[in-house]
Amino acid sequence: MYAITIDQFADAARDKVAAMQRSPFGFLVAAMLAGGYIGIANILAISCATGLTPGARPSVLGATFGVGLILIAFAGAELFTGCVMLVGFGLTRQALTVSQAGGMLVLVWFGNLAGAIVLAGLFIARRRVRPARWRRLPQRTRPAQGQRTRHRTDGPRNPVQPAGLPGSLDQRAHCG
């Protein structure tokens, strides 16, 4: 009943292994892109679901996480779960050997991991680099050792404060 579909997936597994053997670096880059796409979708899902009610959160998480899967499908990236499915069909129909299947799964798994790590590194590096608009702000300087700084407890900045204004001593004394 499903023999035709299984044969098509087995052929797809054989084609993936052939592509991996033809260009292992290109296959690794495709796997890294898939790891990055899933990471981007994860960040998007968490950002969109933050602050929502617990009842709405799963729907928003599911809807936005699908963006990563769409990116993988359109870009032709290699996700580990898809390769596991193809390897299962390929091994069942003997379209590929166990060593070919293992090599592809290891390469894709490490590629997905490397893509996720690169994305995390980019976000960590982004937090360490200040935007250019912040660089223009004057930097706070520390006083020289032994030099006294002005604190709120040193008194008001304007020692002459008219009576009757909000926050003046006259009004505070009459407040209760």
N, C-alpha and C. Protein backbone atom coordinates (compact mmCIF):
# COMPACT_ATOMS: atom_id res chain seq x y z
N MET A 1 0.82 -1.19 0.00
CA MET A 1 0.00 0.00 0.00
C MET A 1 0.87 1.26 0.00
N TYR A 2 1.88 1.30 0.86
CA TYR A 2 2.77 2.46 0.95
C TYR A 2 4.14 2.18 0.33
N ALA A 3 4.25 1.13 -0.45
CA ALA A 3 5.54 0.71 -1.01
C ALA A 3 6.14 1.80 -1.89
N ILE A 4 5.33 2.47 -2.66
CA ILE A 4 5.84 3.51 -3.57
C ILE A 4 6.42 4.66 -2.76
N THR A 5 5.72 5.07 -1.71
CA THR A 5 6.20 6.17 -0.87
C THR A 5 7.49 5.79 -0.16
N ILE A 6 7.56 4.57 0.36
CA ILE A 6 8.76 4.12 1.05
C ILE A 6 9.93 4.06 0.08
N ASP A 7 9.69 3.59 -1.12
CA ASP A 7 10.75 3.55 -2.13
C ASP A 7 11.24 4.96 -2.48
N GLN A 8 10.32 5.93 -2.55
CA GLN A 8 10.71 7.31 -2.85
C GLN A 8 11.57 7.87 -1.72
N PHE A 9 11.22 7.58 -0.48
CA PHE A 9 12.04 8.05 0.64
C PHE A 9 13.40 7.35 0.67
N ALA A 10 13.43 6.07 0.31
CA ALA A 10 14.71 5.36 0.24
C ALA A 10 15.59 5.95 -0.85
N ASP A 11 15.00 6.32 -1.98
CA ASP A 11 15.76 6.97 -3.04
C ASP A 11 16.27 8.35 -2.59
N ALA A 12 15.43 9.05 -1.84
CA ALA A 12 15.86 10.36 -1.31
C ALA A 12 17.02 10.20 -0.35
N ALA A 13 17.02 9.13 0.44
CA ALA A 13 18.14 8.86 1.36
C ALA A 13 19.41 8.58 0.57
N ARG A 14 19.30 7.82 -0.50
CA ARG A 14 20.46 7.54 -1.34
C ARG A 14 20.99 8.83 -1.97
N ASP A 15 20.08 9.71 -2.39
CA ASP A 15 20.50 10.99 -2.97
C ASP A 15 21.19 11.88 -1.92
N LYS A 16 20.71 11.87 -0.70
CA LYS A 16 21.34 12.67 0.37
C LYS A 16 22.75 12.17 0.65
N VAL A 17 22.91 10.85 0.71
CA VAL A 17 24.25 10.29 0.95
C VAL A 17 25.17 10.63 -0.22
N ALA A 18 24.67 10.57 -1.43
CA ALA A 18 25.48 10.93 -2.60
C ALA A 18 25.88 12.40 -2.53
N ALA A 19 24.95 13.26 -2.11
CA ALA A 19 25.28 14.70 -1.98
C ALA A 19 26.31 14.91 -0.88
N MET A 20 26.20 14.16 0.21
CA MET A 20 27.17 14.29 1.29
C MET A 20 28.56 13.83 0.83
N GLN A 21 28.63 12.76 0.06
CA GLN A 21 29.91 12.27 -0.42
C GLN A 21 30.50 13.19 -1.48
N ARG A 22 29.67 13.83 -2.27
CA ARG A 22 30.14 14.76 -3.29
C ARG A 22 30.73 16.02 -2.67
N SER A 23 30.03 16.55 -1.67
CA SER A 23 30.46 17.80 -1.06
C SER A 23 30.19 17.77 0.45
N PRO A 24 31.10 17.17 1.23
CA PRO A 24 30.88 17.09 2.68
C PRO A 24 30.80 18.47 3.33
N PHE A 25 31.61 19.42 2.86
CA PHE A 25 31.58 20.76 3.45
C PHE A 25 30.24 21.45 3.17
N GLY A 26 29.75 21.34 1.95
CA GLY A 26 28.45 21.92 1.62
C GLY A 26 27.33 21.30 2.42
N PHE A 27 27.42 19.99 2.65
CA PHE A 27 26.42 19.30 3.45
C PHE A 27 26.49 19.77 4.90
N LEU A 28 27.71 19.97 5.40
CA LEU A 28 27.88 20.48 6.77
C LEU A 28 27.32 21.90 6.89
N VAL A 29 27.54 22.74 5.89
CA VAL A 29 27.01 24.10 5.92
C VAL A 29 25.49 24.07 5.92
N ALA A 30 24.90 23.18 5.11
CA ALA A 30 23.43 23.06 5.09
C ALA A 30 22.91 22.62 6.46
N ALA A 31 23.64 21.74 7.12
CA ALA A 31 23.24 21.30 8.47
C ALA A 31 23.41 22.44 9.48
N MET A 32 24.46 23.22 9.33
CA MET A 32 24.66 24.36 10.23
C MET A 32 23.55 25.40 10.04
N LEU A 33 23.15 25.63 8.80
CA LEU A 33 22.05 26.57 8.55
C LEU A 33 20.76 26.09 9.22
N ALA A 34 20.52 24.79 9.16
CA ALA A 34 19.31 24.27 9.80
C ALA A 34 19.35 24.50 11.31
N GLY A 35 20.50 24.29 11.92
CA GLY A 35 20.63 24.56 13.36
C GLY A 35 20.40 26.03 13.68
N GLY A 36 20.91 26.91 12.82
CA GLY A 36 20.69 28.34 13.01
C GLY A 36 19.24 28.73 12.81
N TYR A 37 18.60 28.14 11.79
CA TYR A 37 17.19 28.47 11.53
C TYR A 37 16.30 28.04 12.70
N ILE A 38 16.57 26.87 13.24
CA ILE A 38 15.77 26.42 14.39
C ILE A 38 16.03 27.33 15.58
N GLY A 39 17.28 27.77 15.76
CA GLY A 39 17.58 28.70 16.85
C GLY A 39 16.86 30.03 16.68
N ILE A 40 16.83 30.54 15.46
CA ILE A 40 16.12 31.80 15.20
C ILE A 40 14.63 31.63 15.47
N ALA A 41 14.08 30.51 15.04
CA ALA A 41 12.65 30.26 15.29
C ALA A 41 12.37 30.14 16.78
N ASN A 42 13.29 29.53 17.52
CA ASN A 42 13.15 29.42 18.96
C ASN A 42 13.14 30.80 19.62
N ILE A 43 14.06 31.64 19.22
CA ILE A 43 14.12 32.99 19.77
C ILE A 43 12.85 33.76 19.43
N LEU A 44 12.39 33.63 18.20
CA LEU A 44 11.14 34.28 17.80
C LEU A 44 9.96 33.77 18.62
N ALA A 45 9.89 32.46 18.82
CA ALA A 45 8.78 31.88 19.56
C ALA A 45 8.77 32.36 21.01
N ILE A 46 9.92 32.38 21.64
CA ILE A 46 9.99 32.82 23.03
C ILE A 46 9.69 34.31 23.14
N SER A 47 10.19 35.09 22.19
CA SER A 47 9.91 36.53 22.20
C SER A 47 8.43 36.82 22.02
N CYS A 48 7.77 36.08 21.14
CA CYS A 48 6.35 36.32 20.90
C CYS A 48 5.48 35.83 22.06
N ALA A 49 5.90 34.79 22.75
CA ALA A 49 5.07 34.21 23.80
C ALA A 49 5.30 34.85 25.17
N THR A 50 6.34 35.66 25.29
CA THR A 50 6.62 36.28 26.58
C THR A 50 5.50 37.24 26.95
N GLY A 51 5.00 37.09 28.15
CA GLY A 51 3.97 37.98 28.65
C GLY A 51 2.54 37.57 28.31
N LEU A 52 2.39 36.47 27.57
CA LEU A 52 1.03 36.02 27.24
C LEU A 52 0.46 35.18 28.38
N THR A 53 -0.83 35.01 28.35
CA THR A 53 -1.47 34.16 29.35
C THR A 53 -1.08 32.71 29.10
N PRO A 54 -1.08 31.88 30.14
CA PRO A 54 -0.69 30.48 29.96
C PRO A 54 -1.56 29.73 28.95
N GLY A 55 -2.79 30.14 28.75
CA GLY A 55 -3.63 29.46 27.78
C GLY A 55 -3.27 29.77 26.34
N ALA A 56 -2.79 30.97 26.08
CA ALA A 56 -2.46 31.38 24.71
C ALA A 56 -1.02 31.04 24.33
N ARG A 57 -0.19 30.83 25.33
CA ARG A 57 1.24 30.62 25.07
C ARG A 57 1.54 29.44 24.15
N PRO A 58 0.97 28.24 24.36
CA PRO A 58 1.31 27.11 23.48
C PRO A 58 0.95 27.35 22.02
N SER A 59 -0.17 28.00 21.77
CA SER A 59 -0.57 28.27 20.38
C SER A 59 0.42 29.20 19.70
N VAL A 60 0.84 30.24 20.40
CA VAL A 60 1.78 31.19 19.82
C VAL A 60 3.15 30.53 19.63
N LEU A 61 3.58 29.74 20.61
CA LEU A 61 4.86 29.03 20.47
C LEU A 61 4.84 28.10 19.26
N GLY A 62 3.77 27.36 19.10
CA GLY A 62 3.68 26.43 17.96
C GLY A 62 3.62 27.14 16.63
N ALA A 63 2.89 28.23 16.58
CA ALA A 63 2.75 28.95 15.32
C ALA A 63 4.06 29.61 14.89
N THR A 64 4.78 30.18 15.84
CA THR A 64 6.02 30.87 15.47
C THR A 64 7.19 29.91 15.28
N PHE A 65 7.18 28.78 15.96
CA PHE A 65 8.27 27.82 15.78
C PHE A 65 8.23 27.22 14.37
N GLY A 66 7.05 27.14 13.79
CA GLY A 66 6.93 26.63 12.43
C GLY A 66 7.68 27.47 11.41
N VAL A 67 7.99 28.71 11.75
CA VAL A 67 8.77 29.57 10.84
C VAL A 67 10.14 28.94 10.57
N GLY A 68 10.75 28.36 11.59
CA GLY A 68 12.04 27.70 11.42
C GLY A 68 11.96 26.52 10.47
N LEU A 69 10.91 25.74 10.59
CA LEU A 69 10.74 24.59 9.69
C LEU A 69 10.50 25.04 8.26
N ILE A 70 9.77 26.14 8.10
CA ILE A 70 9.54 26.68 6.76
C ILE A 70 10.86 27.18 6.17
N LEU A 71 11.67 27.85 6.98
CA LEU A 71 12.99 28.30 6.50
C LEU A 71 13.84 27.12 6.06
N ILE A 72 13.83 26.04 6.82
CA ILE A 72 14.62 24.86 6.49
C ILE A 72 14.13 24.25 5.17
N ALA A 73 12.83 24.16 5.03
CA ALA A 73 12.28 23.55 3.81
C ALA A 73 12.60 24.40 2.57
N PHE A 74 12.43 25.72 2.68
CA PHE A 74 12.68 26.58 1.52
C PHE A 74 14.16 26.71 1.20
N ALA A 75 15.00 26.72 2.22
CA ALA A 75 16.43 26.92 1.99
C ALA A 75 17.14 25.61 1.64
N GLY A 76 16.49 24.48 1.86
CA GLY A 76 17.12 23.21 1.56
C GLY A 76 18.15 22.79 2.59
N ALA A 77 18.00 23.25 3.82
CA ALA A 77 18.93 22.90 4.88
C ALA A 77 18.67 21.47 5.36
N GLU A 78 19.63 20.93 6.11
CA GLU A 78 19.56 19.54 6.57
C GLU A 78 19.32 19.50 8.07
N LEU A 79 18.14 19.10 8.48
CA LEU A 79 17.82 18.96 9.89
C LEU A 79 17.97 17.49 10.29
N PHE A 80 18.46 17.26 11.48
CA PHE A 80 18.75 15.90 11.95
C PHE A 80 17.51 15.01 11.91
N THR A 81 16.37 15.52 12.34
CA THR A 81 15.17 14.68 12.40
C THR A 81 14.74 14.20 11.02
N GLY A 82 14.87 15.06 10.02
CA GLY A 82 14.54 14.65 8.66
C GLY A 82 15.49 13.59 8.14
N CYS A 83 16.77 13.72 8.49
CA CYS A 83 17.74 12.71 8.05
C CYS A 83 17.51 11.37 8.74
N VAL A 84 17.07 11.40 9.99
CA VAL A 84 16.77 10.14 10.69
C VAL A 84 15.63 9.42 9.98
N MET A 85 14.62 10.16 9.55
CA MET A 85 13.51 9.55 8.83
C MET A 85 14.01 8.91 7.53
N LEU A 86 14.80 9.66 6.78
CA LEU A 86 15.29 9.14 5.51
C LEU A 86 16.21 7.94 5.70
N VAL A 87 17.04 7.99 6.72
CA VAL A 87 17.96 6.87 6.99
C VAL A 87 17.17 5.62 7.33
N GLY A 88 16.11 5.77 8.09
CA GLY A 88 15.29 4.60 8.42
C GLY A 88 14.73 3.94 7.17
N PHE A 89 14.19 4.73 6.26
CA PHE A 89 13.66 4.17 5.02
C PHE A 89 14.78 3.62 4.14
N GLY A 90 15.91 4.33 4.11
CA GLY A 90 17.03 3.86 3.29
C GLY A 90 17.60 2.54 3.77
N LEU A 91 17.69 2.38 5.09
CA LEU A 91 18.19 1.11 5.63
C LEU A 91 17.17 -0.01 5.44
N THR A 92 15.90 0.31 5.55
CA THR A 92 14.86 -0.71 5.37
C THR A 92 14.88 -1.26 3.95
N ARG A 93 15.04 -0.40 2.99
CA ARG A 93 15.07 -0.81 1.57
C ARG A 93 16.48 -1.12 1.08
N GLN A 94 17.45 -1.09 1.96
CA GLN A 94 18.86 -1.37 1.65
C GLN A 94 19.38 -0.47 0.54
N ALA A 95 18.95 0.78 0.55
CA ALA A 95 19.42 1.76 -0.43
C ALA A 95 20.75 2.35 0.01
N LEU A 96 21.11 2.18 1.28
CA LEU A 96 22.40 2.66 1.78
C LEU A 96 22.88 1.74 2.89
N THR A 97 24.18 1.82 3.15
CA THR A 97 24.77 0.96 4.17
C THR A 97 24.70 1.61 5.54
N VAL A 98 24.98 0.82 6.55
CA VAL A 98 24.96 1.33 7.93
C VAL A 98 26.04 2.39 8.11
N SER A 99 27.20 2.20 7.50
CA SER A 99 28.27 3.20 7.64
C SER A 99 27.90 4.51 6.96
N GLN A 100 27.26 4.44 5.80
CA GLN A 100 26.80 5.66 5.13
C GLN A 100 25.75 6.38 5.97
N ALA A 101 24.83 5.60 6.51
CA ALA A 101 23.77 6.18 7.33
C ALA A 101 24.36 6.82 8.58
N GLY A 102 25.28 6.11 9.24
CA GLY A 102 25.91 6.65 10.45
C GLY A 102 26.71 7.91 10.17
N GLY A 103 27.45 7.89 9.06
CA GLY A 103 28.23 9.07 8.70
C GLY A 103 27.35 10.28 8.43
N MET A 104 26.25 10.07 7.74
CA MET A 104 25.35 11.18 7.46
C MET A 104 24.71 11.71 8.75
N LEU A 105 24.29 10.81 9.62
CA LEU A 105 23.65 11.25 10.86
C LEU A 105 24.63 12.01 11.76
N VAL A 106 25.86 11.54 11.84
CA VAL A 106 26.86 12.22 12.67
C VAL A 106 27.16 13.61 12.10
N LEU A 107 27.34 13.68 10.79
CA LEU A 107 27.65 14.97 10.16
C LEU A 107 26.51 15.97 10.34
N VAL A 108 25.28 15.51 10.17
CA VAL A 108 24.14 16.41 10.30
C VAL A 108 23.95 16.82 11.76
N TRP A 109 24.13 15.89 12.68
CA TRP A 109 23.94 16.22 14.10
C TRP A 109 24.96 17.26 14.54
N PHE A 110 26.22 17.05 14.20
CA PHE A 110 27.25 18.02 14.57
C PHE A 110 27.06 19.34 13.82
N GLY A 111 26.58 19.29 12.59
CA GLY A 111 26.31 20.51 11.85
C GLY A 111 25.18 21.32 12.49
N ASN A 112 24.11 20.64 12.90
CA ASN A 112 23.02 21.34 13.59
C ASN A 112 23.51 21.95 14.90
N LEU A 113 24.31 21.22 15.63
CA LEU A 113 24.86 21.72 16.89
C LEU A 113 25.77 22.93 16.64
N ALA A 114 26.61 22.83 15.63
CA ALA A 114 27.52 23.94 15.32
C ALA A 114 26.73 25.18 14.89
N GLY A 115 25.69 25.01 14.12
CA GLY A 115 24.87 26.15 13.71
C GLY A 115 24.21 26.83 14.90
N ALA A 116 23.72 26.03 15.84
CA ALA A 116 23.10 26.60 17.04
C ALA A 116 24.14 27.32 17.89
N ILE A 117 25.35 26.77 17.99
CA ILE A 117 26.40 27.40 18.78
C ILE A 117 26.85 28.71 18.13
N VAL A 118 26.96 28.73 16.81
CA VAL A 118 27.32 29.97 16.11
C VAL A 118 26.26 31.05 16.35
N LEU A 119 24.99 30.67 16.28
CA LEU A 119 23.92 31.63 16.53
C LEU A 119 24.00 32.15 17.96
N ALA A 120 24.22 31.27 18.92
CA ALA A 120 24.34 31.70 20.31
C ALA A 120 25.55 32.62 20.48
N GLY A 121 26.65 32.30 19.81
CA GLY A 121 27.83 33.16 19.88
C GLY A 121 27.57 34.54 19.30
N LEU A 122 26.80 34.60 18.22
CA LEU A 122 26.46 35.90 17.65
C LEU A 122 25.63 36.73 18.63
N PHE A 123 24.71 36.11 19.32
CA PHE A 123 23.90 36.85 20.28
C PHE A 123 24.72 37.29 21.49
N ILE A 124 25.63 36.45 21.93
CA ILE A 124 26.49 36.84 23.05
C ILE A 124 27.40 37.98 22.63
N ALA A 125 27.98 37.89 21.43
CA ALA A 125 28.85 38.96 20.95
C ALA A 125 28.07 40.25 20.76
N ARG A 126 26.82 40.16 20.34
CA ARG A 126 26.00 41.35 20.13
C ARG A 126 25.73 42.07 21.45
N ARG A 127 25.58 41.32 22.51
CA ARG A 127 25.33 41.94 23.80
C ARG A 127 26.59 42.63 24.34
N ARG A 128 27.74 42.17 23.93
CA ARG A 128 28.99 42.77 24.41
C ARG A 128 29.38 44.03 23.64
N VAL A 129 28.94 44.13 22.41
CA VAL A 129 29.27 45.28 21.58
C VAL A 129 28.17 46.31 21.76
N ARG A 130 28.55 47.50 22.15
CA ARG A 130 27.56 48.55 22.34
C ARG A 130 27.23 49.18 21.01
N PRO A 131 25.96 49.53 20.80
CA PRO A 131 25.60 50.22 19.55
C PRO A 131 26.30 51.57 19.46
N ALA A 132 26.45 52.06 18.25
CA ALA A 132 27.17 53.31 18.01
C ALA A 132 26.50 54.49 18.71
N ARG A 133 25.19 54.48 18.84
CA ARG A 133 24.52 55.61 19.49
C ARG A 133 24.87 55.68 20.97
N TRP A 134 25.22 54.57 21.58
CA TRP A 134 25.61 54.59 22.99
C TRP A 134 27.04 55.07 23.16
N ARG A 135 27.85 54.91 22.15
CA ARG A 135 29.24 55.34 22.25
C ARG A 135 29.37 56.85 22.32
N ARG A 136 28.37 57.56 21.80
CA ARG A 136 28.42 59.02 21.81
C ARG A 136 28.07 59.61 23.17
N LEU A 137 27.46 58.82 24.03
CA LEU A 137 27.10 59.33 25.35
C LEU A 137 28.35 59.56 26.18
N PRO A 138 28.35 60.59 27.01
CA PRO A 138 29.53 60.82 27.85
C PRO A 138 29.70 59.68 28.84
N GLN A 139 30.94 59.33 29.06
CA GLN A 139 31.24 58.26 29.99
C GLN A 139 31.30 58.81 31.41
N ARG A 140 30.79 58.03 32.33
CA ARG A 140 30.88 58.43 33.73
C ARG A 140 32.31 58.25 34.20
N THR A 141 32.80 59.22 34.90
CA THR A 141 34.16 59.12 35.41
C THR A 141 34.11 58.94 36.91
N ARG A 142 35.03 58.20 37.39
CA ARG A 142 35.10 57.99 38.83
C ARG A 142 35.93 59.11 39.45
N PRO A 143 35.58 59.52 40.66
CA PRO A 143 36.37 60.57 41.31
C PRO A 143 37.74 60.04 41.70
N ALA A 144 38.68 60.94 41.78
CA ALA A 144 40.03 60.55 42.21
C ALA A 144 39.96 60.04 43.64
N GLN A 145 40.90 59.24 43.98
CA GLN A 145 40.90 58.64 45.32
C GLN A 145 41.00 59.74 46.38
N GLY A 146 40.11 59.66 47.33
CA GLY A 146 40.09 60.64 48.39
C GLY A 146 39.18 61.82 48.08
N GLN A 147 38.78 61.99 46.84
CA GLN A 147 37.90 63.09 46.47
C GLN A 147 36.47 62.71 46.83
N ARG A 148 35.75 63.64 47.39
CA ARG A 148 34.39 63.38 47.82
C ARG A 148 33.42 63.67 46.68
N THR A 149 32.43 62.82 46.53
CA THR A 149 31.41 63.04 45.51
C THR A 149 30.13 63.50 46.16
N ARG A 150 29.29 64.11 45.39
CA ARG A 150 28.02 64.63 45.89
C ARG A 150 26.99 63.50 45.86
N HIS A 151 26.35 63.27 46.96
CA HIS A 151 25.31 62.26 47.07
C HIS A 151 24.00 62.93 47.44
N ARG A 152 22.93 62.19 47.35
CA ARG A 152 21.63 62.74 47.71
C ARG A 152 21.59 63.15 49.19
N THR A 153 22.35 62.51 50.01
CA THR A 153 22.34 62.83 51.44
C THR A 153 23.11 64.11 51.74
N ASP A 154 23.84 64.65 50.76
CA ASP A 154 24.61 65.87 51.00
C ASP A 154 23.73 67.11 51.02
N GLY A 155 22.48 66.96 50.69
CA GLY A 155 21.59 68.11 50.70
C GLY A 155 21.12 68.41 49.30
N PRO A 156 20.19 69.38 49.20
CA PRO A 156 19.65 69.70 47.88
C PRO A 156 20.68 70.39 47.01
N ARG A 157 20.52 70.23 45.69
CA ARG A 157 21.43 70.90 44.78
C ARG A 157 21.24 72.41 44.83
N ASN A 158 20.02 72.83 45.01
CA ASN A 158 19.72 74.25 45.12
C ASN A 158 19.38 74.53 46.58
N PRO A 159 20.33 75.04 47.33
CA PRO A 159 20.07 75.22 48.76
C PRO A 159 18.97 76.23 49.04
N VAL A 160 18.67 77.13 48.11
CA VAL A 160 17.62 78.11 48.33
C VAL A 160 16.37 77.59 47.61
N GLN A 161 15.46 77.00 48.36
CA GLN A 161 14.25 76.46 47.77
C GLN A 161 13.07 77.25 48.31
N PRO A 162 12.29 77.85 47.44
CA PRO A 162 11.18 78.68 47.92
C PRO A 162 10.18 77.86 48.73
N ALA A 163 9.64 78.47 49.74
CA ALA A 163 8.65 77.81 50.58
C ALA A 163 7.35 77.64 49.80
N GLY A 164 6.64 76.59 50.10
CA GLY A 164 5.34 76.36 49.50
C GLY A 164 5.37 75.55 48.22
N LEU A 165 6.54 75.22 47.68
CA LEU A 165 6.62 74.39 46.49
C LEU A 165 6.55 72.93 46.89
N PRO A 166 6.08 72.07 46.02
CA PRO A 166 6.05 70.64 46.35
C PRO A 166 7.45 70.15 46.68
N GLY A 167 7.55 69.43 47.74
CA GLY A 167 8.83 68.89 48.16
C GLY A 167 9.60 69.81 49.07
N SER A 168 9.07 70.99 49.36
CA SER A 168 9.80 71.89 50.24
C SER A 168 9.60 71.46 51.68
N LEU A 169 10.45 71.95 52.54
CA LEU A 169 10.38 71.58 53.95
C LEU A 169 9.07 72.02 54.58
N ASP A 170 8.50 73.16 54.14
CA ASP A 170 7.25 73.64 54.71
C ASP A 170 6.12 72.66 54.48
N GLN A 171 6.02 72.13 53.26
CA GLN A 171 4.92 71.21 52.98
C GLN A 171 5.13 69.87 53.65
N ARG A 172 6.36 69.40 53.72
CA ARG A 172 6.61 68.12 54.38
C ARG A 172 6.25 68.20 55.85
N ALA A 173 6.47 69.31 56.47
CA ALA A 173 6.17 69.45 57.89
C ALA A 173 4.68 69.44 58.14
N HIS A 174 3.88 69.90 57.19
CA HIS A 174 2.44 69.99 57.38
C HIS A 174 1.70 68.74 56.93
N CYS A 175 2.40 67.74 56.43
CA CYS A 175 1.72 66.57 55.86
C CYS A 175 1.34 65.54 56.90
N GLY A 176 1.46 65.76 58.07
CA GLY A 176 0.92 64.77 58.96
C GLY A 176 1.77 64.39 60.04
